[in-house]
Structure formats: C-alpha cells, structure tokens
C-alpha cells in the first residue's frame, strides 16, 4: 500500500467536510452565470471532479470560496461562456447613467435599490439579475446571494478588491435601473 492510498480516506473525509456542503452555492453561481439549469449542472459536476482531483493541493480552510473559484473558472473555460457571450449585449455606461442634469450622481438618504428590492417580486428580481451584464451579475450573485466577502470575491475572480467593489456598485446601480424599468412596464 502506497502513502497515497493510506491518505485517501483522509482526503475523502476532508473533501466531504470542506467542499461538499457548498454544492448548492456552486450550483447557484453556475446557474446565474449560465442562465441554464442543465449547463449549471454540467459545470458543477466538472468543477467537483476538478476540485477532487486537485484537492491535495488545497491548503486553505475556505472550501466555499475555493469551489466557487473552480466553478467560475470552469464556466469561463467552457462552451457555456462562449454561448453566454453570444447572447450578451454590451453595457453602455452613458446610456444607463444615473446622473442629474448637472452630471452629478444622484444620492438619497436611502438608496433607491433598497426600496425597489423591497417592492419588487422575486420574479422581477430574478429577471433583473439575469439581465445584468455577466461581469456585474457574477459579483452581485456572490455578494448578495452567496454572502461572500469582498476579499473572497476578489480571490475567486482574480481581481483587486477595488475592482470588485466598483463592479458591485455598478451592478447594484444597474439592477436598480432594471427593476425600475420592470416596474414601469407593469
């Protein structure tokens, strides 16, 4: 029996304890990235296989962030990403600007997105999140739905915390605009 064989039960127990509890979060992120349950299932399955294969090199204790990073990398490296890109409309900053007539950003005591989120139905929120450009959707999902910290999100997507904060702010702003538009359509 080799040393690898002796360590196999420990590896499996540690994998079960650190990674497996986060399968729902992995599916949730994959679902929001792909907008498809079937594609999300495929991505999570592939990500879990990769996670297990490389679990010996995992040194941390945050299995959720590690698994979500693998899910994200699996998505961006696969066909689902190319399909999502083909469906995306580029985000036009000027067309969706929330500035007053003087060009200053509008601020209120209570952020408008908070009031809109309380008033919007779950279906409207889901539709609005799905309409977000991918770069905003992924950080909004990780922060707001998966309750990841800025630091964890930065590690997952491989960008500085400031970029994560910027994308999150822009994503929230765009989400508020989408919810307002959905509300006006009703």
C-alpha atoms as a PDB file:
ATOM      1  CA  UNK A   1       0.000   0.000   0.000  1.00  0.00           C
ATOM      2  CA  UNK A   2       1.432   3.406  -1.014  1.00  0.00           C
ATOM      3  CA  UNK A   3       1.360   6.612   1.016  1.00  0.00           C
ATOM      4  CA  UNK A   4      -1.234   7.965  -1.445  1.00  0.00           C
ATOM      5  CA  UNK A   5      -3.520   5.001  -0.736  1.00  0.00           C
ATOM      6  CA  UNK A   6      -3.135   5.494   3.037  1.00  0.00           C
ATOM      7  CA  UNK A   7      -4.084   9.182   2.751  1.00  0.00           C
ATOM      8  CA  UNK A   8      -7.130   8.512   0.539  1.00  0.00           C
ATOM      9  CA  UNK A   9      -9.676   8.149   3.400  1.00  0.00           C
ATOM     10  CA  UNK A  10      -8.404  11.375   4.991  1.00  0.00           C
ATOM     11  CA  UNK A  11      -8.613  13.182   1.672  1.00  0.00           C
ATOM     12  CA  UNK A  12     -12.160  11.988   1.144  1.00  0.00           C
ATOM     13  CA  UNK A  13     -13.263  12.981   4.666  1.00  0.00           C
ATOM     14  CA  UNK A  14     -11.663  16.408   4.352  1.00  0.00           C
ATOM     15  CA  UNK A  15     -13.183  16.896   0.880  1.00  0.00           C
ATOM     16  CA  UNK A  16     -16.606  15.888   2.207  1.00  0.00           C
ATOM     17  CA  UNK A  17     -16.270  18.328   5.117  1.00  0.00           C
ATOM     18  CA  UNK A  18     -14.792  21.335   3.291  1.00  0.00           C
ATOM     19  CA  UNK A  19     -16.218  21.199  -0.229  1.00  0.00           C
ATOM     20  CA  UNK A  20     -19.394  19.137  -0.422  1.00  0.00           C
ATOM     21  CA  UNK A  21     -21.507  21.377   1.871  1.00  0.00           C
ATOM     22  CA  UNK A  22     -21.159  24.113  -0.767  1.00  0.00           C
ATOM     23  CA  UNK A  23     -22.687  22.292  -3.731  1.00  0.00           C
ATOM     24  CA  UNK A  24     -25.833  24.423  -3.552  1.00  0.00           C
ATOM     25  CA  UNK A  25     -23.749  27.612  -3.672  1.00  0.00           C
ATOM     26  CA  UNK A  26     -21.755  26.161  -6.578  1.00  0.00           C
ATOM     27  CA  UNK A  27     -24.938  25.343  -8.485  1.00  0.00           C
ATOM     28  CA  UNK A  28     -26.409  28.750  -7.665  1.00  0.00           C
ATOM     29  CA  UNK A  29     -23.377  30.581  -9.063  1.00  0.00           C
ATOM     30  CA  UNK A  30     -23.221  28.331 -12.120  1.00  0.00           C
ATOM     31  CA  UNK A  31     -26.942  28.819 -12.726  1.00  0.00           C
ATOM     32  CA  UNK A  32     -26.634  32.599 -12.616  1.00  0.00           C
ATOM     33  CA  UNK A  33     -23.588  32.547 -14.877  1.00  0.00           C
ATOM     34  CA  UNK A  34     -25.095  30.230 -17.476  1.00  0.00           C
ATOM     35  CA  UNK A  35     -28.799  31.062 -17.095  1.00  0.00           C
ATOM     36  CA  UNK A  36     -29.451  27.349 -17.611  1.00  0.00           C
ATOM     37  CA  UNK A  37     -30.087  24.593 -15.068  1.00  0.00           C
ATOM     38  CA  UNK A  38     -28.660  21.925 -17.366  1.00  0.00           C
ATOM     39  CA  UNK A  39     -25.483  23.864 -18.140  1.00  0.00           C
ATOM     40  CA  UNK A  40     -25.107  24.693 -14.460  1.00  0.00           C
ATOM     41  CA  UNK A  41     -25.347  21.013 -13.525  1.00  0.00           C
ATOM     42  CA  UNK A  42     -22.652  20.168 -16.078  1.00  0.00           C
ATOM     43  CA  UNK A  43     -20.373  22.922 -14.816  1.00  0.00           C
ATOM     44  CA  UNK A  44     -20.792  21.922 -11.168  1.00  0.00           C
ATOM     45  CA  UNK A  45     -20.130  18.285 -12.000  1.00  0.00           C
ATOM     46  CA  UNK A  46     -16.963  19.176 -13.904  1.00  0.00           C
ATOM     47  CA  UNK A  47     -15.885  21.613 -11.171  1.00  0.00           C
ATOM     48  CA  UNK A  48     -16.359  18.957  -8.480  1.00  0.00           C
ATOM     49  CA  UNK A  49     -14.278  16.492 -10.444  1.00  0.00           C
ATOM     50  CA  UNK A  50     -11.539  19.096 -10.787  1.00  0.00           C
ATOM     51  CA  UNK A  51     -11.811  20.010  -7.113  1.00  0.00           C
ATOM     52  CA  UNK A  52     -11.447  16.398  -6.067  1.00  0.00           C
ATOM     53  CA  UNK A  53      -8.572  15.782  -8.448  1.00  0.00           C
ATOM     54  CA  UNK A  54      -6.619  18.778  -7.148  1.00  0.00           C
ATOM     55  CA  UNK A  55      -7.799  18.661  -3.546  1.00  0.00           C
ATOM     56  CA  UNK A  56      -4.363  17.527  -2.431  1.00  0.00           C
ATOM     57  CA  UNK A  57      -3.006  20.954  -3.368  1.00  0.00           C
ATOM     58  CA  UNK A  58      -5.753  22.827  -1.456  1.00  0.00           C
ATOM     59  CA  UNK A  59      -4.138  24.422   1.578  1.00  0.00           C
ATOM     60  CA  UNK A  60      -6.884  26.679   2.884  1.00  0.00           C
ATOM     61  CA  UNK A  61      -9.915  26.169   5.058  1.00  0.00           C
ATOM     62  CA  UNK A  62     -12.464  28.089   2.946  1.00  0.00           C
ATOM     63  CA  UNK A  63     -13.849  25.339   0.768  1.00  0.00           C
ATOM     64  CA  UNK A  64     -16.720  27.506  -0.449  1.00  0.00           C
ATOM     65  CA  UNK A  65     -14.515  30.205  -1.974  1.00  0.00           C
ATOM     66  CA  UNK A  66     -12.213  27.567  -3.453  1.00  0.00           C
ATOM     67  CA  UNK A  67     -15.099  25.625  -5.021  1.00  0.00           C
ATOM     68  CA  UNK A  68     -16.756  28.773  -6.374  1.00  0.00           C
ATOM     69  CA  UNK A  69     -13.462  29.803  -7.966  1.00  0.00           C
ATOM     70  CA  UNK A  70     -13.291  26.419  -9.684  1.00  0.00           C
ATOM     71  CA  UNK A  71     -16.923  26.752 -10.813  1.00  0.00           C
ATOM     72  CA  UNK A  72     -16.198  30.201 -12.220  1.00  0.00           C
ATOM     73  CA  UNK A  73     -13.032  29.024 -13.979  1.00  0.00           C
ATOM     74  CA  UNK A  74     -14.880  26.016 -15.393  1.00  0.00           C
ATOM     75  CA  UNK A  75     -17.586  28.312 -16.749  1.00  0.00           C
ATOM     76  CA  UNK A  76     -15.164  30.772 -18.330  1.00  0.00           C
ATOM     77  CA  UNK A  77     -13.118  27.963 -19.843  1.00  0.00           C
ATOM     78  CA  UNK A  78     -16.029  26.147 -21.423  1.00  0.00           C
ATOM     79  CA  UNK A  79     -18.702  26.304 -24.081  1.00  0.00           C
ATOM     80  CA  UNK A  80     -21.302  27.795 -21.720  1.00  0.00           C
ATOM     81  CA  UNK A  81     -19.263  31.011 -21.508  1.00  0.00           C
ATOM     82  CA  UNK A  82     -18.980  31.294 -25.271  1.00  0.00           C
ATOM     83  CA  UNK A  83     -22.745  30.785 -25.566  1.00  0.00           C
ATOM     84  CA  UNK A  84     -23.404  33.394 -22.864  1.00  0.00           C
ATOM     85  CA  UNK A  85     -21.101  35.876 -24.629  1.00  0.00           C
ATOM     86  CA  UNK A  86     -23.013  35.403 -27.858  1.00  0.00           C
ATOM     87  CA  UNK A  87     -26.233  36.376 -26.051  1.00  0.00           C
ATOM     88  CA  UNK A  88     -24.790  39.382 -24.180  1.00  0.00           C
ATOM     89  CA  UNK A  89     -25.429  42.971 -25.102  1.00  0.00           C
ATOM     90  CA  UNK A  90     -22.500  45.229 -24.132  1.00  0.00           C
ATOM     91  CA  UNK A  91     -23.193  47.507 -21.172  1.00  0.00           C
ATOM     92  CA  UNK A  92     -23.342  51.129 -22.301  1.00  0.00           C
ATOM     93  CA  UNK A  93     -22.253  53.310 -19.364  1.00  0.00           C
ATOM     94  CA  UNK A  94     -23.547  56.524 -20.923  1.00  0.00           C
ATOM     95  CA  UNK A  95     -26.944  55.110 -21.865  1.00  0.00           C
ATOM     96  CA  UNK A  96     -27.508  53.855 -18.320  1.00  0.00           C
ATOM     97  CA  UNK A  97     -26.053  56.748 -16.368  1.00  0.00           C
ATOM     98  CA  UNK A  98     -27.877  57.833 -13.211  1.00  0.00           C
ATOM     99  CA  UNK A  99     -26.824  61.457 -13.120  1.00  0.00           C
ATOM    100  CA  UNK A 100     -28.837  64.609 -12.638  1.00  0.00           C
ATOM    101  CA  UNK A 101     -28.926  67.447 -15.170  1.00  0.00           C
ATOM    102  CA  UNK A 102     -25.631  68.817 -13.815  1.00  0.00           C
ATOM    103  CA  UNK A 103     -23.861  65.485 -14.335  1.00  0.00           C
ATOM    104  CA  UNK A 104     -23.671  64.692 -10.615  1.00  0.00           C
ATOM    105  CA  UNK A 105     -24.581  61.255  -9.369  1.00  0.00           C
ATOM    106  CA  UNK A 106     -27.902  61.199  -7.539  1.00  0.00           C
ATOM    107  CA  UNK A 107     -27.828  60.121  -3.913  1.00  0.00           C
ATOM    108  CA  UNK A 108     -30.579  59.951  -1.362  1.00  0.00           C
ATOM    109  CA  UNK A 109     -30.739  59.143   2.302  1.00  0.00           C
ATOM    110  CA  UNK A 110     -31.953  55.650   1.454  1.00  0.00           C
ATOM    111  CA  UNK A 111     -30.540  54.010  -1.667  1.00  0.00           C
ATOM    112  CA  UNK A 112     -33.248  53.619  -4.301  1.00  0.00           C
ATOM    113  CA  UNK A 113     -32.245  49.999  -4.916  1.00  0.00           C
ATOM    114  CA  UNK A 114     -33.139  49.130  -1.304  1.00  0.00           C
ATOM    115  CA  UNK A 115     -36.679  50.471  -1.706  1.00  0.00           C
ATOM    116  CA  UNK A 116     -37.033  48.792  -5.073  1.00  0.00           C
ATOM    117  CA  UNK A 117     -35.818  45.464  -3.735  1.00  0.00           C
ATOM    118  CA  UNK A 118     -38.471  45.580  -1.010  1.00  0.00           C
ATOM    119  CA  UNK A 119     -41.227  46.356  -3.510  1.00  0.00           C
ATOM    120  CA  UNK A 120     -40.163  44.024  -6.311  1.00  0.00           C
ATOM    121  CA  UNK A 121     -41.368  40.479  -6.550  1.00  0.00           C
ATOM    122  CA  UNK A 122     -38.972  37.577  -6.561  1.00  0.00           C
ATOM    123  CA  UNK A 123     -39.684  37.020 -10.252  1.00  0.00           C
ATOM    124  CA  UNK A 124     -38.839  40.621 -11.112  1.00  0.00           C
ATOM    125  CA  UNK A 125     -35.616  40.488  -9.130  1.00  0.00           C
ATOM    126  CA  UNK A 126     -34.615  37.210 -10.770  1.00  0.00           C
ATOM    127  CA  UNK A 127     -35.324  38.621 -14.234  1.00  0.00           C
ATOM    128  CA  UNK A 128     -33.392  41.798 -13.445  1.00  0.00           C
ATOM    129  CA  UNK A 129     -30.371  39.854 -12.165  1.00  0.00           C
ATOM    130  CA  UNK A 130     -30.417  37.701 -15.297  1.00  0.00           C
ATOM    131  CA  UNK A 131     -30.437  40.872 -17.405  1.00  0.00           C
ATOM    132  CA  UNK A 132     -27.264  42.185 -15.750  1.00  0.00           C
ATOM    133  CA  UNK A 133     -24.089  42.026 -17.828  1.00  0.00           C
ATOM    134  CA  UNK A 134     -22.076  38.956 -16.813  1.00  0.00           C
ATOM    135  CA  UNK A 135     -19.270  40.903 -15.083  1.00  0.00           C
ATOM    136  CA  UNK A 136     -21.821  42.552 -12.778  1.00  0.00           C
ATOM    137  CA  UNK A 137     -24.094  39.525 -12.385  1.00  0.00           C
ATOM    138  CA  UNK A 138     -21.353  37.299 -11.006  1.00  0.00           C
ATOM    139  CA  UNK A 139     -20.275  39.743  -8.265  1.00  0.00           C
ATOM    140  CA  UNK A 140     -23.873  40.593  -7.322  1.00  0.00           C
ATOM    141  CA  UNK A 141     -24.700  36.895  -7.002  1.00  0.00           C
ATOM    142  CA  UNK A 142     -21.589  36.128  -4.957  1.00  0.00           C
ATOM    143  CA  UNK A 143     -22.078  39.095  -2.626  1.00  0.00           C
ATOM    144  CA  UNK A 144     -25.842  39.356  -2.270  1.00  0.00           C
ATOM    145  CA  UNK A 145     -26.973  35.760  -2.720  1.00  0.00           C
ATOM    146  CA  UNK A 146     -23.946  33.800  -1.523  1.00  0.00           C
ATOM    147  CA  UNK A 147     -22.881  36.329   1.149  1.00  0.00           C
ATOM    148  CA  UNK A 148     -19.218  36.232   0.121  1.00  0.00           C
ATOM    149  CA  UNK A 149     -16.883  38.950   1.375  1.00  0.00           C
ATOM    150  CA  UNK A 150     -15.201  41.387  -0.997  1.00  0.00           C
ATOM    151  CA  UNK A 151     -11.909  39.667  -0.247  1.00  0.00           C
ATOM    152  CA  UNK A 152     -13.335  36.238  -1.109  1.00  0.00           C
ATOM    153  CA  UNK A 153     -14.887  37.525  -4.325  1.00  0.00           C
ATOM    154  CA  UNK A 154     -11.607  39.192  -5.300  1.00  0.00           C
ATOM    155  CA  UNK A 155      -9.788  35.901  -4.757  1.00  0.00           C
ATOM    156  CA  UNK A 156     -12.388  33.984  -6.752  1.00  0.00           C
ATOM    157  CA  UNK A 157     -12.384  36.268  -9.785  1.00  0.00           C
ATOM    158  CA  UNK A 158      -8.710  37.183  -9.559  1.00  0.00           C
ATOM    159  CA  UNK A 159      -9.165  40.953  -9.426  1.00  0.00           C
ATOM    160  CA  UNK A 160      -8.338  43.618  -6.831  1.00  0.00           C
ATOM    161  CA  UNK A 161     -10.903  44.335  -4.100  1.00  0.00           C
ATOM    162  CA  UNK A 162     -11.396  47.838  -5.513  1.00  0.00           C
ATOM    163  CA  UNK A 163     -12.468  46.376  -8.840  1.00  0.00           C
ATOM    164  CA  UNK A 164     -14.886  44.039  -7.049  1.00  0.00           C
ATOM    165  CA  UNK A 165     -16.352  46.987  -5.133  1.00  0.00           C
ATOM    166  CA  UNK A 166     -16.658  49.016  -8.327  1.00  0.00           C
ATOM    167  CA  UNK A 167     -18.354  46.186 -10.216  1.00  0.00           C
ATOM    168  CA  UNK A 168     -20.672  45.565  -7.306  1.00  0.00           C
ATOM    169  CA  UNK A 169     -21.650  49.231  -7.084  1.00  0.00           C
ATOM    170  CA  UNK A 170     -22.221  49.418 -10.825  1.00  0.00           C
ATOM    171  CA  UNK A 171     -24.103  46.124 -10.764  1.00  0.00           C
ATOM    172  CA  UNK A 172     -26.376  47.317  -7.959  1.00  0.00           C
ATOM    173  CA  UNK A 173     -26.979  50.573  -9.800  1.00  0.00           C
ATOM    174  CA  UNK A 174     -27.848  48.706 -12.990  1.00  0.00           C
ATOM    175  CA  UNK A 175     -30.043  46.291 -11.031  1.00  0.00           C
ATOM    176  CA  UNK A 176     -31.988  49.248  -9.613  1.00  0.00           C
ATOM    177  CA  UNK A 177     -32.442  50.616 -13.128  1.00  0.00           C
ATOM    178  CA  UNK A 178     -33.660  47.253 -14.401  1.00  0.00           C
ATOM    179  CA  UNK A 179     -36.088  46.873 -11.520  1.00  0.00           C
ATOM    180  CA  UNK A 180     -37.403  50.381 -12.156  1.00  0.00           C
ATOM    181  CA  UNK A 181     -37.872  49.547 -15.833  1.00  0.00           C
ATOM    182  CA  UNK A 182     -39.662  46.295 -14.966  1.00  0.00           C
ATOM    183  CA  UNK A 183     -41.901  48.177 -12.530  1.00  0.00           C
ATOM    184  CA  UNK A 184     -42.753  50.794 -15.148  1.00  0.00           C
ATOM    185  CA  UNK A 185     -43.610  48.064 -17.668  1.00  0.00           C
ATOM    186  CA  UNK A 186     -46.253  46.782 -15.247  1.00  0.00           C
END
